[in-house]
Each structure stands twice: as C-alpha cells, then as structure tokens.
C-alpha cells in the first residue's frame, strides 16, 4: 500500500509490478484548497484508493475508489473545504 504524496505533483500512477496497489489519500490541507490531482492505474490491476474521510467528507460510505483492471482507469479529484471531491472518472467505482 502507498500513501499518495501530493507534495510531489498532481499526477499519481497506481502501479505495482505483478500485484494490486491499495493506496491511501489523506484529506487535503488548507493550503491545498482548489488543488486538482489525477490518479490512474499503471497496469491492468484492480487497484484501490482509500480517502481518509471519504469523498466530500462523507465518511466510510464513499471512501474507496476501485479502478477496473484497465490501464485507462483514472479519476480526477479536487480539494475543497478540507475534503476531496470526485470531478470525473473512467473505469472507477466508488463504495
């Protein structure tokens, strides 16, 4: 599992050679307000991304994004009010 480090940039690739990546994403800090990040799979794996307090701060009911096993699976997230919001996605389910 990897914790996404948004200080390194705005593009994050979930890639694990021969295995699934179960990544995590902490809530954005005040200084990240309006920041947009793009997360995509790097291999044909069913990777997951768990957001600490869920999308929009909704908690555990919408905190796990599962990327289908296609390299094209991706999502765009935007920081607003100390939470992440899903702007758009391709091949990603939310639970």
C-alpha atoms as a PDB file:
ATOM      1  CA  UNK A   1       0.000   0.000   0.000  1.00  0.00           C
ATOM      2  CA  UNK A   2       1.170   3.520  -0.765  1.00  0.00           C
ATOM      3  CA  UNK A   3       0.148   6.830   0.736  1.00  0.00           C
ATOM      4  CA  UNK A   4      -0.153   9.324  -2.120  1.00  0.00           C
ATOM      5  CA  UNK A   5       2.171  12.271  -1.523  1.00  0.00           C
ATOM      6  CA  UNK A   6       0.524  15.239  -3.232  1.00  0.00           C
ATOM      7  CA  UNK A   7       3.525  17.466  -2.494  1.00  0.00           C
ATOM      8  CA  UNK A   8       5.361  15.633  -5.298  1.00  0.00           C
ATOM      9  CA  UNK A   9       2.954  16.712  -8.014  1.00  0.00           C
ATOM     10  CA  UNK A  10      -0.523  16.402  -9.362  1.00  0.00           C
ATOM     11  CA  UNK A  11      -0.271  13.151 -11.363  1.00  0.00           C
ATOM     12  CA  UNK A  12      -0.257   9.863  -9.452  1.00  0.00           C
ATOM     13  CA  UNK A  13       0.055   6.454 -11.047  1.00  0.00           C
ATOM     14  CA  UNK A  14      -1.048   3.389  -9.109  1.00  0.00           C
ATOM     15  CA  UNK A  15       1.381   0.772 -10.352  1.00  0.00           C
ATOM     16  CA  UNK A  16       2.582  -2.435  -8.794  1.00  0.00           C
ATOM     17  CA  UNK A  17       4.524  -4.988 -10.749  1.00  0.00           C
ATOM     18  CA  UNK A  18       2.549  -8.194 -10.504  1.00  0.00           C
ATOM     19  CA  UNK A  19       0.111  -7.052  -7.828  1.00  0.00           C
ATOM     20  CA  UNK A  20      -2.662  -4.756  -6.741  1.00  0.00           C
ATOM     21  CA  UNK A  21      -1.892  -1.393  -5.122  1.00  0.00           C
ATOM     22  CA  UNK A  22      -4.114  -0.436  -2.190  1.00  0.00           C
ATOM     23  CA  UNK A  23      -3.203   3.258  -1.895  1.00  0.00           C
ATOM     24  CA  UNK A  24      -4.450   5.859   0.571  1.00  0.00           C
ATOM     25  CA  UNK A  25      -5.060   9.591   0.256  1.00  0.00           C
ATOM     26  CA  UNK A  26      -5.138  11.904   3.272  1.00  0.00           C
ATOM     27  CA  UNK A  27      -7.516  14.850   3.428  1.00  0.00           C
ATOM     28  CA  UNK A  28      -6.123  17.984   1.807  1.00  0.00           C
ATOM     29  CA  UNK A  29      -4.573  20.693   3.980  1.00  0.00           C
ATOM     30  CA  UNK A  30      -5.826  24.290   3.989  1.00  0.00           C
ATOM     31  CA  UNK A  31      -3.051  25.228   1.550  1.00  0.00           C
ATOM     32  CA  UNK A  32      -4.299  22.629  -0.940  1.00  0.00           C
ATOM     33  CA  UNK A  33      -7.667  24.351  -1.436  1.00  0.00           C
ATOM     34  CA  UNK A  34      -8.593  24.108  -5.143  1.00  0.00           C
ATOM     35  CA  UNK A  35      -5.811  21.650  -5.953  1.00  0.00           C
ATOM     36  CA  UNK A  36      -6.631  19.100  -8.649  1.00  0.00           C
ATOM     37  CA  UNK A  37      -4.926  15.700  -8.805  1.00  0.00           C
ATOM     38  CA  UNK A  38      -5.182  12.996 -11.438  1.00  0.00           C
ATOM     39  CA  UNK A  39      -4.883   9.362 -10.343  1.00  0.00           C
ATOM     40  CA  UNK A  40      -4.602   6.495 -12.832  1.00  0.00           C
ATOM     41  CA  UNK A  41      -3.620   2.881 -12.964  1.00  0.00           C
ATOM     42  CA  UNK A  42      -0.277   1.978 -14.463  1.00  0.00           C
ATOM     43  CA  UNK A  43      -1.075  -1.685 -15.050  1.00  0.00           C
ATOM     44  CA  UNK A  44      -4.142  -3.802 -15.684  1.00  0.00           C
ATOM     45  CA  UNK A  45      -4.851  -4.357 -11.981  1.00  0.00           C
ATOM     46  CA  UNK A  46      -7.897  -3.667  -9.810  1.00  0.00           C
ATOM     47  CA  UNK A  47      -6.138  -1.014  -7.709  1.00  0.00           C
ATOM     48  CA  UNK A  48      -7.899   0.830  -4.903  1.00  0.00           C
ATOM     49  CA  UNK A  49      -7.604   4.287  -3.388  1.00  0.00           C
ATOM     50  CA  UNK A  50      -8.989   4.877   0.110  1.00  0.00           C
ATOM     51  CA  UNK A  51      -9.688   8.510   1.008  1.00  0.00           C
ATOM     52  CA  UNK A  52      -9.266   9.191   4.723  1.00  0.00           C
ATOM     53  CA  UNK A  53     -12.635  10.846   5.413  1.00  0.00           C
ATOM     54  CA  UNK A  54     -14.424   9.837   2.221  1.00  0.00           C
ATOM     55  CA  UNK A  55     -15.377  11.927  -0.773  1.00  0.00           C
ATOM     56  CA  UNK A  56     -16.686  15.296   0.364  1.00  0.00           C
ATOM     57  CA  UNK A  57     -16.052  14.297   3.981  1.00  0.00           C
ATOM     58  CA  UNK A  58     -18.877  11.730   3.781  1.00  0.00           C
ATOM     59  CA  UNK A  59     -17.009   9.064   5.733  1.00  0.00           C
ATOM     60  CA  UNK A  60     -16.911   5.336   5.198  1.00  0.00           C
ATOM     61  CA  UNK A  61     -19.866   5.065   2.833  1.00  0.00           C
ATOM     62  CA  UNK A  62     -17.908   6.646  -0.061  1.00  0.00           C
ATOM     63  CA  UNK A  63     -14.262   6.274   0.845  1.00  0.00           C
ATOM     64  CA  UNK A  64     -12.923   3.571  -1.502  1.00  0.00           C
ATOM     65  CA  UNK A  65     -12.357   4.106  -5.217  1.00  0.00           C
ATOM     66  CA  UNK A  66     -11.753   0.857  -7.116  1.00  0.00           C
ATOM     67  CA  UNK A  67     -10.077   1.100 -10.500  1.00  0.00           C
ATOM     68  CA  UNK A  68     -11.059  -1.601 -13.006  1.00  0.00           C
ATOM     69  CA  UNK A  69      -8.283  -3.759 -14.366  1.00  0.00           C
ATOM     70  CA  UNK A  70      -7.679  -1.498 -17.371  1.00  0.00           C
ATOM     71  CA  UNK A  71      -4.656   0.754 -17.824  1.00  0.00           C
ATOM     72  CA  UNK A  72      -7.042   3.565 -18.860  1.00  0.00           C
ATOM     73  CA  UNK A  73      -8.854   3.613 -15.480  1.00  0.00           C
ATOM     74  CA  UNK A  74      -8.441   7.042 -13.889  1.00  0.00           C
ATOM     75  CA  UNK A  75     -10.073   9.771 -11.838  1.00  0.00           C
ATOM     76  CA  UNK A  76      -9.759  13.483 -11.238  1.00  0.00           C
ATOM     77  CA  UNK A  77     -10.100  14.791  -7.674  1.00  0.00           C
ATOM     78  CA  UNK A  78     -10.354  18.387  -6.435  1.00  0.00           C
ATOM     79  CA  UNK A  79      -9.669  19.714  -2.934  1.00  0.00           C
ATOM     80  CA  UNK A  80     -12.427  21.854  -1.461  1.00  0.00           C
ATOM     81  CA  UNK A  81     -13.133  22.637   2.189  1.00  0.00           C
ATOM     82  CA  UNK A  82     -10.521  20.148   3.513  1.00  0.00           C
ATOM     83  CA  UNK A  83     -12.110  17.272   1.544  1.00  0.00           C
ATOM     84  CA  UNK A  84     -11.602  15.589  -1.820  1.00  0.00           C
ATOM     85  CA  UNK A  85     -14.378  15.699  -4.426  1.00  0.00           C
ATOM     86  CA  UNK A  86     -14.620  13.465  -7.482  1.00  0.00           C
ATOM     87  CA  UNK A  87     -14.661  15.650 -10.598  1.00  0.00           C
ATOM     88  CA  UNK A  88     -14.724  12.805 -13.114  1.00  0.00           C
ATOM     89  CA  UNK A  89     -13.643   9.226 -13.679  1.00  0.00           C
ATOM     90  CA  UNK A  90     -13.235   6.439 -16.242  1.00  0.00           C
ATOM     91  CA  UNK A  91     -13.455   2.826 -15.100  1.00  0.00           C
ATOM     92  CA  UNK A  92     -13.649   3.689 -11.386  1.00  0.00           C
ATOM     93  CA  UNK A  93     -16.352   2.643  -8.934  1.00  0.00           C
ATOM     94  CA  UNK A  94     -16.990   4.265  -5.549  1.00  0.00           C
ATOM     95  CA  UNK A  95     -18.094   2.444  -2.420  1.00  0.00           C
END
